[in-house]
């Protein structure tokens, strides 16, 4: 899995996280390490770009929920966008689409974060 963190150009204190590949039991731990290092301090909001994600397992979902809990403790949150149909179905099945702010586009995800 490839991970790129970029400061968001519109929301102060936000990072856009662009992912490529599988978010599974092996890569979820590494993603947690990278994201949790940045969570808190200056980064309270995360925009996850899933347009390059090919597989999402329960480990990846667990990592997102863990990060959301950490961010909420700091007054922040996260949003996910760019999911393919299969990954959107996974978020629906586990009833996390609303909680993780799964959006159809980057602009929509950004609006959700900006509105609090």
PDB file of N, CA and C in Angstrom:
ATOM      1  N   UNK A   1       0.845  -1.173   0.000  1.00  0.00           N
ATOM      2  CA  UNK A   1       0.000   0.000   0.000  1.00  0.00           C
ATOM      3  C   UNK A   1       0.894   1.241   0.000  1.00  0.00           C
ATOM      4  N   UNK A   2       0.510   2.182  -0.789  1.00  0.00           N
ATOM      5  CA  UNK A   2       1.195   3.472  -0.830  1.00  0.00           C
ATOM      6  C   UNK A   2       0.322   4.500  -0.114  1.00  0.00           C
ATOM      7  N   UNK A   3       0.960   5.338   0.715  1.00  0.00           N
ATOM      8  CA  UNK A   3       0.247   6.369   1.471  1.00  0.00           C
ATOM      9  C   UNK A   3       0.935   7.704   1.245  1.00  0.00           C
ATOM     10  N   UNK A   4       0.146   8.705   0.876  1.00  0.00           N
ATOM     11  CA  UNK A   4       0.668  10.061   0.711  1.00  0.00           C
ATOM     12  C   UNK A   4      -0.180  10.996   1.561  1.00  0.00           C
ATOM     13  N   UNK A   5       0.472  11.738   2.454  1.00  0.00           N
ATOM     14  CA  UNK A   5      -0.197  12.739   3.280  1.00  0.00           C
ATOM     15  C   UNK A   5       0.067  14.111   2.668  1.00  0.00           C
ATOM     16  N   UNK A   6      -1.013  14.882   2.468  1.00  0.00           N
ATOM     17  CA  UNK A   6      -0.889  16.235   1.928  1.00  0.00           C
ATOM     18  C   UNK A   6      -1.683  17.188   2.810  1.00  0.00           C
ATOM     19  N   UNK A   7      -1.120  18.325   3.168  1.00  0.00           N
ATOM     20  CA  UNK A   7      -1.937  19.323   3.870  1.00  0.00           C
ATOM     21  C   UNK A   7      -3.102  19.735   2.971  1.00  0.00           C
ATOM     22  N   UNK A   8      -4.288  19.814   3.552  1.00  0.00           N
ATOM     23  CA  UNK A   8      -5.439  20.196   2.743  1.00  0.00           C
ATOM     24  C   UNK A   8      -5.354  21.677   2.401  1.00  0.00           C
ATOM     25  N   UNK A   9      -5.723  21.998   1.195  1.00  0.00           N
ATOM     26  CA  UNK A   9      -5.590  23.375   0.704  1.00  0.00           C
ATOM     27  C   UNK A   9      -6.730  24.282   1.169  1.00  0.00           C
ATOM     28  N   UNK A  10      -7.813  23.692   1.705  1.00  0.00           N
ATOM     29  CA  UNK A  10      -8.960  24.514   2.070  1.00  0.00           C
ATOM     30  C   UNK A  10      -9.305  24.517   3.557  1.00  0.00           C
ATOM     31  N   UNK A  11      -8.987  23.432   4.258  1.00  0.00           N
ATOM     32  CA  UNK A  11      -9.383  23.328   5.670  1.00  0.00           C
ATOM     33  C   UNK A  11      -8.135  23.368   6.535  1.00  0.00           C
ATOM     34  N   UNK A  12      -8.088  24.360   7.407  1.00  0.00           N
ATOM     35  CA  UNK A  12      -6.965  24.478   8.322  1.00  0.00           C
ATOM     36  C   UNK A  12      -6.974  23.284   9.278  1.00  0.00           C
ATOM     37  N   UNK A  13      -5.831  22.651   9.464  1.00  0.00           N
ATOM     38  CA  UNK A  13      -5.720  21.516  10.367  1.00  0.00           C
ATOM     39  C   UNK A  13      -6.164  20.203   9.753  1.00  0.00           C
ATOM     40  N   UNK A  14      -6.292  20.163   8.434  1.00  0.00           N
ATOM     41  CA  UNK A  14      -6.720  18.934   7.759  1.00  0.00           C
ATOM     42  C   UNK A  14      -5.609  18.365   6.890  1.00  0.00           C
ATOM     43  N   UNK A  15      -5.595  17.046   6.814  1.00  0.00           N
ATOM     44  CA  UNK A  15      -4.686  16.325   5.923  1.00  0.00           C
ATOM     45  C   UNK A  15      -5.504  15.485   4.968  1.00  0.00           C
ATOM     46  N   UNK A  16      -5.094  15.468   3.713  1.00  0.00           N
ATOM     47  CA  UNK A  16      -5.658  14.538   2.743  1.00  0.00           C
ATOM     48  C   UNK A  16      -4.708  13.349   2.688  1.00  0.00           C
ATOM     49  N   UNK A  17      -5.279  12.150   2.818  1.00  0.00           N
ATOM     50  CA  UNK A  17      -4.498  10.918   2.825  1.00  0.00           C
ATOM     51  C   UNK A  17      -4.878  10.129   1.585  1.00  0.00           C
ATOM     52  N   UNK A  18      -3.960  10.049   0.638  1.00  0.00           N
ATOM     53  CA  UNK A  18      -4.210   9.340  -0.617  1.00  0.00           C
ATOM     54  C   UNK A  18      -3.628   7.940  -0.512  1.00  0.00           C
ATOM     55  N   UNK A  19      -4.493   6.943  -0.697  1.00  0.00           N
ATOM     56  CA  UNK A  19      -4.108   5.546  -0.543  1.00  0.00           C
ATOM     57  C   UNK A  19      -4.130   4.822  -1.883  1.00  0.00           C
ATOM     58  N   UNK A  20      -3.188   3.901  -2.041  1.00  0.00           N
ATOM     59  CA  UNK A  20      -3.137   3.039  -3.227  1.00  0.00           C
ATOM     60  C   UNK A  20      -2.912   1.614  -2.755  1.00  0.00           C
ATOM     61  N   UNK A  21      -3.769   0.689  -3.203  1.00  0.00           N
ATOM     62  CA  UNK A  21      -3.578  -0.725  -2.874  1.00  0.00           C
ATOM     63  C   UNK A  21      -4.556  -1.224  -1.834  1.00  0.00           C
ATOM     64  N   UNK A  22      -4.160  -2.301  -1.161  1.00  0.00           N
ATOM     65  CA  UNK A  22      -5.010  -2.966  -0.181  1.00  0.00           C
ATOM     66  C   UNK A  22      -4.851  -2.343   1.196  1.00  0.00           C
ATOM     67  N   UNK A  23      -5.975  -2.195   1.898  1.00  0.00           N
ATOM     68  CA  UNK A  23      -5.958  -1.797   3.299  1.00  0.00           C
ATOM     69  C   UNK A  23      -6.428  -3.038   4.058  1.00  0.00           C
ATOM     70  N   UNK A  24      -5.445  -3.851   4.441  1.00  0.00           N
ATOM     71  CA  UNK A  24      -5.729  -5.138   5.055  1.00  0.00           C
ATOM     72  C   UNK A  24      -4.981  -5.274   6.370  1.00  0.00           C
ATOM     73  N   UNK A  25      -4.932  -6.482   6.905  1.00  0.00           N
ATOM     74  CA  UNK A  25      -4.321  -6.701   8.215  1.00  0.00           C
ATOM     75  C   UNK A  25      -2.850  -6.288   8.239  1.00  0.00           C
ATOM     76  N   UNK A  26      -2.149  -6.442   7.161  1.00  0.00           N
ATOM     77  CA  UNK A  26      -0.733  -6.082   7.107  1.00  0.00           C
ATOM     78  C   UNK A  26      -0.560  -4.569   7.005  1.00  0.00           C
ATOM     79  N   UNK A  27      -1.286  -3.948   6.122  1.00  0.00           N
ATOM     80  CA  UNK A  27      -1.092  -2.519   5.867  1.00  0.00           C
ATOM     81  C   UNK A  27      -1.823  -1.615   6.860  1.00  0.00           C
ATOM     82  N   UNK A  28      -2.878  -2.116   7.497  1.00  0.00           N
ATOM     83  CA  UNK A  28      -3.645  -1.289   8.433  1.00  0.00           C
ATOM     84  C   UNK A  28      -2.799  -0.864   9.622  1.00  0.00           C
ATOM     85  N   UNK A  29      -1.948  -1.750  10.117  1.00  0.00           N
ATOM     86  CA  UNK A  29      -1.078  -1.383  11.240  1.00  0.00           C
ATOM     87  C   UNK A  29      -0.119  -0.264  10.851  1.00  0.00           C
ATOM     88  N   UNK A  30       0.457  -0.370   9.670  1.00  0.00           N
ATOM     89  CA  UNK A  30       1.380   0.670   9.203  1.00  0.00           C
ATOM     90  C   UNK A  30       0.640   1.992   8.993  1.00  0.00           C
ATOM     91  N   UNK A  31      -0.565   1.930   8.422  1.00  0.00           N
ATOM     92  CA  UNK A  31      -1.358   3.137   8.219  1.00  0.00           C
ATOM     93  C   UNK A  31      -1.715   3.763   9.565  1.00  0.00           C
ATOM     94  N   UNK A  32      -2.041   2.947  10.561  1.00  0.00           N
ATOM     95  CA  UNK A  32      -2.338   3.467  11.901  1.00  0.00           C
ATOM     96  C   UNK A  32      -1.132   4.221  12.453  1.00  0.00           C
ATOM     97  N   UNK A  33       0.041   3.628  12.340  1.00  0.00           N
ATOM     98  CA  UNK A  33       1.255   4.283  12.841  1.00  0.00           C
ATOM     99  C   UNK A  33       1.455   5.645  12.182  1.00  0.00           C
ATOM    100  N   UNK A  34       1.330   5.676  10.866  1.00  0.00           N
ATOM    101  CA  UNK A  34       1.547   6.922  10.129  1.00  0.00           C
ATOM    102  C   UNK A  34       0.493   7.973  10.466  1.00  0.00           C
ATOM    103  N   UNK A  35      -0.764   7.554  10.519  1.00  0.00           N
ATOM    104  CA  UNK A  35      -1.853   8.508  10.766  1.00  0.00           C
ATOM    105  C   UNK A  35      -1.873   8.971  12.219  1.00  0.00           C
ATOM    106  N   UNK A  36      -1.669   8.052  13.161  1.00  0.00           N
ATOM    107  CA  UNK A  36      -1.759   8.438  14.568  1.00  0.00           C
ATOM    108  C   UNK A  36      -0.614   9.363  14.971  1.00  0.00           C
ATOM    109  N   UNK A  37       0.535   9.258  14.296  1.00  0.00           N
ATOM    110  CA  UNK A  37       1.636  10.202  14.536  1.00  0.00           C
ATOM    111  C   UNK A  37       1.219  11.630  14.226  1.00  0.00           C
ATOM    112  N   UNK A  38       0.371  11.764  13.229  1.00  0.00           N
ATOM    113  CA  UNK A  38      -0.028  13.092  12.762  1.00  0.00           C
ATOM    114  C   UNK A  38      -1.310  13.596  13.438  1.00  0.00           C
ATOM    115  N   UNK A  39      -2.101  12.674  13.991  1.00  0.00           N
ATOM    116  CA  UNK A  39      -3.390  13.031  14.602  1.00  0.00           C
ATOM    117  C   UNK A  39      -3.182  13.804  15.892  1.00  0.00           C
ATOM    118  N   UNK A  40      -3.938  14.828  16.054  1.00  0.00           N
ATOM    119  CA  UNK A  40      -3.817  15.639  17.257  1.00  0.00           C
ATOM    120  C   UNK A  40      -3.209  16.965  16.926  1.00  0.00           C
ATOM    121  N   UNK A  41      -2.036  17.240  17.388  1.00  0.00           N
ATOM    122  CA  UNK A  41      -1.312  18.472  17.118  1.00  0.00           C
ATOM    123  C   UNK A  41      -1.968  19.400  16.121  1.00  0.00           C
ATOM    124  N   UNK A  42      -1.357  19.535  14.973  1.00  0.00           N
ATOM    125  CA  UNK A  42      -1.891  20.411  13.928  1.00  0.00           C
ATOM    126  C   UNK A  42      -2.951  19.730  13.067  1.00  0.00           C
ATOM    127  N   UNK A  43      -2.968  18.418  13.030  1.00  0.00           N
ATOM    128  CA  UNK A  43      -3.913  17.688  12.167  1.00  0.00           C
ATOM    129  C   UNK A  43      -5.051  17.109  13.006  1.00  0.00           C
ATOM    130  N   UNK A  44      -6.219  17.729  12.869  1.00  0.00           N
ATOM    131  CA  UNK A  44      -7.403  17.244  13.582  1.00  0.00           C
ATOM    132  C   UNK A  44      -8.444  16.675  12.630  1.00  0.00           C
ATOM    133  N   UNK A  45      -8.234  16.866  11.334  1.00  0.00           N
ATOM    134  CA  UNK A  45      -9.191  16.404  10.329  1.00  0.00           C
ATOM    135  C   UNK A  45      -8.429  15.619   9.258  1.00  0.00           C
ATOM    136  N   UNK A  46      -8.991  14.486   8.863  1.00  0.00           N
ATOM    137  CA  UNK A  46      -8.383  13.655   7.832  1.00  0.00           C
ATOM    138  C   UNK A  46      -9.392  13.398   6.719  1.00  0.00           C
ATOM    139  N   UNK A  47      -8.975  13.603   5.500  1.00  0.00           N
ATOM    140  CA  UNK A  47      -9.754  13.270   4.301  1.00  0.00           C
ATOM    141  C   UNK A  47      -9.063  12.068   3.662  1.00  0.00           C
ATOM    142  N   UNK A  48      -9.700  10.910   3.689  1.00  0.00           N
ATOM    143  CA  UNK A  48      -9.113   9.705   3.109  1.00  0.00           C
ATOM    144  C   UNK A  48      -9.604   9.516   1.684  1.00  0.00           C
ATOM    145  N   UNK A  49      -8.669   9.519   0.746  1.00  0.00           N
ATOM    146  CA  UNK A  49      -8.963   9.284  -0.665  1.00  0.00           C
ATOM    147  C   UNK A  49      -8.821   7.794  -0.942  1.00  0.00           C
ATOM    148  N   UNK A  50      -9.952   7.111  -1.105  1.00  0.00           N
ATOM    149  CA  UNK A  50      -9.973   5.676  -1.351  1.00  0.00           C
ATOM    150  C   UNK A  50     -10.046   5.338  -2.837  1.00  0.00           C
ATOM    151  N   UNK A  51      -9.850   6.301  -3.717  1.00  0.00           N
ATOM    152  CA  UNK A  51      -9.996   6.020  -5.152  1.00  0.00           C
ATOM    153  C   UNK A  51      -8.977   4.996  -5.647  1.00  0.00           C
ATOM    154  N   UNK A  52      -7.865   4.813  -4.950  1.00  0.00           N
ATOM    155  CA  UNK A  52      -6.868   3.823  -5.338  1.00  0.00           C
ATOM    156  C   UNK A  52      -6.888   2.567  -4.486  1.00  0.00           C
ATOM    157  N   UNK A  53      -7.870   2.447  -3.583  1.00  0.00           N
ATOM    158  CA  UNK A  53      -7.942   1.282  -2.694  1.00  0.00           C
ATOM    159  C   UNK A  53      -8.629   0.132  -3.426  1.00  0.00           C
ATOM    160  N   UNK A  54      -7.969  -1.012  -3.416  1.00  0.00           N
ATOM    161  CA  UNK A  54      -8.488  -2.192  -4.114  1.00  0.00           C
ATOM    162  C   UNK A  54      -9.185  -3.159  -3.177  1.00  0.00           C
ATOM    163  N   UNK A  55      -8.740  -3.225  -1.924  1.00  0.00           N
ATOM    164  CA  UNK A  55      -9.302  -4.148  -0.932  1.00  0.00           C
ATOM    165  C   UNK A  55      -9.373  -3.420   0.407  1.00  0.00           C
ATOM    166  N   UNK A  56     -10.492  -3.607   1.111  1.00  0.00           N
ATOM    167  CA  UNK A  56     -10.648  -3.083   2.458  1.00  0.00           C
ATOM    168  C   UNK A  56     -11.134  -4.223   3.341  1.00  0.00           C
ATOM    169  N   UNK A  57     -10.342  -4.571   4.354  1.00  0.00           N
ATOM    170  CA  UNK A  57     -10.738  -5.647   5.263  1.00  0.00           C
ATOM    171  C   UNK A  57     -11.168  -5.057   6.601  1.00  0.00           C
ATOM    172  N   UNK A  58     -11.578  -5.936   7.503  1.00  0.00           N
ATOM    173  CA  UNK A  58     -12.005  -5.500   8.829  1.00  0.00           C
ATOM    174  C   UNK A  58     -10.874  -4.796   9.573  1.00  0.00           C
ATOM    175  N   UNK A  59      -9.636  -5.167   9.305  1.00  0.00           N
ATOM    176  CA  UNK A  59      -8.499  -4.490   9.942  1.00  0.00           C
ATOM    177  C   UNK A  59      -8.438  -3.025   9.512  1.00  0.00           C
ATOM    178  N   UNK A  60      -8.683  -2.757   8.247  1.00  0.00           N
ATOM    179  CA  UNK A  60      -8.701  -1.391   7.750  1.00  0.00           C
ATOM    180  C   UNK A  60      -9.851  -0.596   8.327  1.00  0.00           C
ATOM    181  N   UNK A  61     -11.009  -1.229   8.427  1.00  0.00           N
ATOM    182  CA  UNK A  61     -12.162  -0.562   9.027  1.00  0.00           C
ATOM    183  C   UNK A  61     -11.878  -0.246  10.491  1.00  0.00           C
ATOM    184  N   UNK A  62     -11.299  -1.197  11.195  1.00  0.00           N
ATOM    185  CA  UNK A  62     -10.951  -0.989  12.601  1.00  0.00           C
ATOM    186  C   UNK A  62      -9.986   0.164  12.785  1.00  0.00           C
ATOM    187  N   UNK A  63      -9.016   0.274  11.882  1.00  0.00           N
ATOM    188  CA  UNK A  63      -8.056   1.369  11.951  1.00  0.00           C
ATOM    189  C   UNK A  63      -8.760   2.710  11.780  1.00  0.00           C
ATOM    190  N   UNK A  64      -9.703   2.803  10.847  1.00  0.00           N
ATOM    191  CA  UNK A  64     -10.440   4.047  10.635  1.00  0.00           C
ATOM    192  C   UNK A  64     -11.253   4.425  11.875  1.00  0.00           C
ATOM    193  N   UNK A  65     -11.893   3.439  12.490  1.00  0.00           N
ATOM    194  CA  UNK A  65     -12.690   3.709  13.695  1.00  0.00           C
ATOM    195  C   UNK A  65     -11.781   4.160  14.838  1.00  0.00           C
ATOM    196  N   UNK A  66     -10.647   3.504  15.009  1.00  0.00           N
ATOM    197  CA  UNK A  66      -9.682   3.904  16.039  1.00  0.00           C
ATOM    198  C   UNK A  66      -9.213   5.336  15.833  1.00  0.00           C
ATOM    199  N   UNK A  67      -8.896   5.665  14.592  1.00  0.00           N
ATOM    200  CA  UNK A  67      -8.436   7.021  14.286  1.00  0.00           C
ATOM    201  C   UNK A  67      -9.557   8.031  14.520  1.00  0.00           C
ATOM    202  N   UNK A  68     -10.774   7.689  14.144  1.00  0.00           N
ATOM    203  CA  UNK A  68     -11.907   8.584  14.375  1.00  0.00           C
ATOM    204  C   UNK A  68     -12.060   8.874  15.864  1.00  0.00           C
ATOM    205  N   UNK A  69     -11.943   7.868  16.699  1.00  0.00           N
ATOM    206  CA  UNK A  69     -12.054   8.060  18.149  1.00  0.00           C
ATOM    207  C   UNK A  69     -10.951   9.001  18.644  1.00  0.00           C
ATOM    208  N   UNK A  70      -9.740   8.793  18.162  1.00  0.00           N
ATOM    209  CA  UNK A  70      -8.632   9.668  18.564  1.00  0.00           C
ATOM    210  C   UNK A  70      -8.885  11.107  18.118  1.00  0.00           C
ATOM    211  N   UNK A  71      -9.333  11.277  16.869  1.00  0.00           N
ATOM    212  CA  UNK A  71      -9.575  12.622  16.346  1.00  0.00           C
ATOM    213  C   UNK A  71     -10.711  13.318  17.093  1.00  0.00           C
ATOM    214  N   UNK A  72     -11.770  12.587  17.389  1.00  0.00           N
ATOM    215  CA  UNK A  72     -12.888  13.190  18.127  1.00  0.00           C
ATOM    216  C   UNK A  72     -12.440  13.671  19.499  1.00  0.00           C
ATOM    217  N   UNK A  73     -11.512  12.945  20.116  1.00  0.00           N
ATOM    218  CA  UNK A  73     -10.970  13.359  21.405  1.00  0.00           C
ATOM    219  C   UNK A  73     -10.203  14.672  21.315  1.00  0.00           C
ATOM    220  N   UNK A  74      -9.762  15.026  20.115  1.00  0.00           N
ATOM    221  CA  UNK A  74      -9.027  16.273  19.874  1.00  0.00           C
ATOM    222  C   UNK A  74      -9.900  17.328  19.199  1.00  0.00           C
ATOM    223  N   UNK A  75     -11.216  17.057  19.114  1.00  0.00           N
ATOM    224  CA  UNK A  75     -12.124  17.998  18.475  1.00  0.00           C
ATOM    225  C   UNK A  75     -12.157  17.892  16.965  1.00  0.00           C
ATOM    226  N   UNK A  76     -11.718  16.771  16.412  1.00  0.00           N
ATOM    227  CA  UNK A  76     -11.674  16.597  14.963  1.00  0.00           C
ATOM    228  C   UNK A  76     -12.548  15.452  14.495  1.00  0.00           C
ATOM    229  N   UNK A  77     -12.358  15.088  13.250  1.00  0.00           N
ATOM    230  CA  UNK A  77     -13.095  13.972  12.659  1.00  0.00           C
ATOM    231  C   UNK A  77     -12.402  13.560  11.367  1.00  0.00           C
ATOM    232  N   UNK A  78     -13.009  12.642  10.644  1.00  0.00           N
ATOM    233  CA  UNK A  78     -12.476  12.224   9.352  1.00  0.00           C
ATOM    234  C   UNK A  78     -13.612  12.011   8.364  1.00  0.00           C
ATOM    235  N   UNK A  79     -13.246  11.951   7.092  1.00  0.00           N
ATOM    236  CA  UNK A  79     -14.192  11.650   6.023  1.00  0.00           C
ATOM    237  C   UNK A  79     -13.466  10.797   4.985  1.00  0.00           C
ATOM    238  N   UNK A  80     -14.235   9.969   4.304  1.00  0.00           N
ATOM    239  CA  UNK A  80     -13.713   9.063   3.280  1.00  0.00           C
ATOM    240  C   UNK A  80     -14.413   9.388   1.971  1.00  0.00           C
ATOM    241  N   UNK A  81     -13.660   9.390   0.873  1.00  0.00           N
ATOM    242  CA  UNK A  81     -14.268   9.621  -0.431  1.00  0.00           C
ATOM    243  C   UNK A  81     -13.565   8.773  -1.479  1.00  0.00           C
ATOM    244  N   UNK A  82     -14.187   8.653  -2.635  1.00  0.00           N
ATOM    245  CA  UNK A  82     -13.566   7.971  -3.764  1.00  0.00           C
ATOM    246  C   UNK A  82     -13.661   6.457  -3.736  1.00  0.00           C
ATOM    247  N   UNK A  83     -14.554   5.907  -2.934  1.00  0.00           N
ATOM    248  CA  UNK A  83     -14.672   4.447  -2.839  1.00  0.00           C
ATOM    249  C   UNK A  83     -15.287   3.859  -4.099  1.00  0.00           C
ATOM    250  N   UNK A  84     -14.807   2.675  -4.473  1.00  0.00           N
ATOM    251  CA  UNK A  84     -15.486   1.948  -5.546  1.00  0.00           C
ATOM    252  C   UNK A  84     -16.775   1.346  -4.972  1.00  0.00           C
ATOM    253  N   UNK A  85     -17.620   0.791  -5.838  1.00  0.00           N
ATOM    254  CA  UNK A  85     -18.919   0.280  -5.398  1.00  0.00           C
ATOM    255  C   UNK A  85     -18.789  -0.796  -4.328  1.00  0.00           C
ATOM    256  N   UNK A  86     -17.828  -1.691  -4.497  1.00  0.00           N
ATOM    257  CA  UNK A  86     -17.656  -2.793  -3.538  1.00  0.00           C
ATOM    258  C   UNK A  86     -17.291  -2.249  -2.149  1.00  0.00           C
ATOM    259  N   UNK A  87     -16.369  -1.318  -2.088  1.00  0.00           N
ATOM    260  CA  UNK A  87     -15.951  -0.776  -0.789  1.00  0.00           C
ATOM    261  C   UNK A  87     -17.070   0.055  -0.168  1.00  0.00           C
ATOM    262  N   UNK A  88     -17.824   0.791  -0.975  1.00  0.00           N
ATOM    263  CA  UNK A  88     -18.998   1.508  -0.449  1.00  0.00           C
ATOM    264  C   UNK A  88     -20.005   0.527   0.142  1.00  0.00           C
ATOM    265  N   UNK A  89     -20.188  -0.622  -0.517  1.00  0.00           N
ATOM    266  CA  UNK A  89     -21.082  -1.657   0.014  1.00  0.00           C
ATOM    267  C   UNK A  89     -20.596  -2.174   1.362  1.00  0.00           C
ATOM    268  N   UNK A  90     -19.286  -2.333   1.509  1.00  0.00           N
ATOM    269  CA  UNK A  90     -18.726  -2.788   2.786  1.00  0.00           C
ATOM    270  C   UNK A  90     -19.073  -1.787   3.885  1.00  0.00           C
ATOM    271  N   UNK A  91     -18.879  -0.505   3.631  1.00  0.00           N
ATOM    272  CA  UNK A  91     -19.220   0.511   4.637  1.00  0.00           C
ATOM    273  C   UNK A  91     -20.712   0.477   4.964  1.00  0.00           C
ATOM    274  N   UNK A  92     -21.563   0.223   3.966  1.00  0.00           N
ATOM    275  CA  UNK A  92     -23.007   0.100   4.205  1.00  0.00           C
ATOM    276  C   UNK A  92     -23.308  -1.110   5.091  1.00  0.00           C
ATOM    277  N   UNK A  93     -22.718  -2.243   4.771  1.00  0.00           N
ATOM    278  CA  UNK A  93     -22.989  -3.491   5.494  1.00  0.00           C
ATOM    279  C   UNK A  93     -22.621  -3.370   6.962  1.00  0.00           C
ATOM    280  N   UNK A  94     -21.497  -2.731   7.254  1.00  0.00           N
ATOM    281  CA  UNK A  94     -21.063  -2.608   8.654  1.00  0.00           C
ATOM    282  C   UNK A  94     -21.639  -1.362   9.334  1.00  0.00           C
ATOM    283  N   UNK A  95     -22.534  -0.678   8.648  1.00  0.00           N
ATOM    284  CA  UNK A  95     -23.263   0.478   9.192  1.00  0.00           C
ATOM    285  C   UNK A  95     -22.341   1.622   9.629  1.00  0.00           C
ATOM    286  N   UNK A  96     -21.278   1.846   8.862  1.00  0.00           N
ATOM    287  CA  UNK A  96     -20.340   2.908   9.198  1.00  0.00           C
ATOM    288  C   UNK A  96     -20.289   4.025   8.162  1.00  0.00           C
ATOM    289  N   UNK A  97     -21.126   3.959   7.150  1.00  0.00           N
ATOM    290  CA  UNK A  97     -21.083   4.967   6.097  1.00  0.00           C
ATOM    291  C   UNK A  97     -21.327   6.371   6.648  1.00  0.00           C
ATOM    292  N   UNK A  98     -22.286   6.508   7.516  1.00  0.00           N
ATOM    293  CA  UNK A  98     -22.596   7.827   8.098  1.00  0.00           C
ATOM    294  C   UNK A  98     -21.544   8.234   9.122  1.00  0.00           C
ATOM    295  N   UNK A  99     -21.148   7.314   9.968  1.00  0.00           N
ATOM    296  CA  UNK A  99     -20.205   7.614  11.047  1.00  0.00           C
ATOM    297  C   UNK A  99     -18.852   8.042  10.499  1.00  0.00           C
ATOM    298  N   UNK A 100     -18.396   7.356   9.422  1.00  0.00           N
ATOM    299  CA  UNK A 100     -17.102   7.676   8.820  1.00  0.00           C
ATOM    300  C   UNK A 100     -17.220   8.724   7.712  1.00  0.00           C
ATOM    301  N   UNK A 101     -18.403   9.278   7.544  1.00  0.00           N
ATOM    302  CA  UNK A 101     -18.638  10.330   6.553  1.00  0.00           C
ATOM    303  C   UNK A 101     -18.146   9.909   5.172  1.00  0.00           C
ATOM    304  N   UNK A 102     -18.632   8.754   4.717  1.00  0.00           N
ATOM    305  CA  UNK A 102     -18.261   8.268   3.385  1.00  0.00           C
ATOM    306  C   UNK A 102     -19.018   9.095   2.355  1.00  0.00           C
ATOM    307  N   UNK A 103     -18.263   9.751   1.478  1.00  0.00           N
ATOM    308  CA  UNK A 103     -18.825  10.704   0.523  1.00  0.00           C
ATOM    309  C   UNK A 103     -18.512  10.281  -0.901  1.00  0.00           C
ATOM    310  N   UNK A 104     -19.288  10.811  -1.817  1.00  0.00           N
ATOM    311  CA  UNK A 104     -19.093  10.491  -3.223  1.00  0.00           C
ATOM    312  C   UNK A 104     -17.954  11.243  -3.876  1.00  0.00           C
ATOM    313  N   UNK A 105     -17.555  12.368  -3.289  1.00  0.00           N
ATOM    314  CA  UNK A 105     -16.508  13.171  -3.923  1.00  0.00           C
ATOM    315  C   UNK A 105     -15.645  13.853  -2.861  1.00  0.00           C
ATOM    316  N   UNK A 106     -14.500  14.311  -3.292  1.00  0.00           N
ATOM    317  CA  UNK A 106     -13.597  15.034  -2.395  1.00  0.00           C
ATOM    318  C   UNK A 106     -14.243  16.329  -1.919  1.00  0.00           C
ATOM    319  N   UNK A 107     -14.948  17.007  -2.797  1.00  0.00           N
ATOM    320  CA  UNK A 107     -15.599  18.264  -2.436  1.00  0.00           C
ATOM    321  C   UNK A 107     -16.672  18.041  -1.371  1.00  0.00           C
ATOM    322  N   UNK A 108     -17.453  16.977  -1.531  1.00  0.00           N
ATOM    323  CA  UNK A 108     -18.495  16.666  -0.560  1.00  0.00           C
ATOM    324  C   UNK A 108     -17.868  16.314   0.799  1.00  0.00           C
ATOM    325  N   UNK A 109     -16.803  15.532   0.799  1.00  0.00           N
ATOM    326  CA  UNK A 109     -16.116  15.173   2.042  1.00  0.00           C
ATOM    327  C   UNK A 109     -15.566  16.417   2.724  1.00  0.00           C
ATOM    328  N   UNK A 110     -15.013  17.303   1.954  1.00  0.00           N
ATOM    329  CA  UNK A 110     -14.454  18.546   2.496  1.00  0.00           C
ATOM    330  C   UNK A 110     -15.569  19.400   3.110  1.00  0.00           C
ATOM    331  N   UNK A 111     -16.731  19.457   2.458  1.00  0.00           N
ATOM    332  CA  UNK A 111     -17.872  20.221   3.001  1.00  0.00           C
ATOM    333  C   UNK A 111     -18.306  19.650   4.345  1.00  0.00           C
ATOM    334  N   UNK A 112     -18.319  18.320   4.431  1.00  0.00           N
ATOM    335  CA  UNK A 112     -18.727  17.671   5.691  1.00  0.00           C
ATOM    336  C   UNK A 112     -17.758  18.060   6.803  1.00  0.00           C
ATOM    337  N   UNK A 113     -16.464  18.003   6.530  1.00  0.00           N
ATOM    338  CA  UNK A 113     -15.476  18.363   7.558  1.00  0.00           C
ATOM    339  C   UNK A 113     -15.556  19.832   7.915  1.00  0.00           C
ATOM    340  N   UNK A 114     -15.750  20.667   6.929  1.00  0.00           N
ATOM    341  CA  UNK A 114     -15.804  22.112   7.181  1.00  0.00           C
ATOM    342  C   UNK A 114     -17.026  22.499   8.013  1.00  0.00           C
ATOM    343  N   UNK A 115     -18.108  21.731   7.878  1.00  0.00           N
ATOM    344  CA  UNK A 115     -19.325  22.063   8.601  1.00  0.00           C
ATOM    345  C   UNK A 115     -19.309  21.549  10.032  1.00  0.00           C
ATOM    346  N   UNK A 116     -18.285  20.755  10.358  1.00  0.00           N
ATOM    347  CA  UNK A 116     -18.163  20.263  11.734  1.00  0.00           C
ATOM    348  C   UNK A 116     -18.920  19.009  11.898  1.00  0.00           C
TER     349      UNK A 116
END
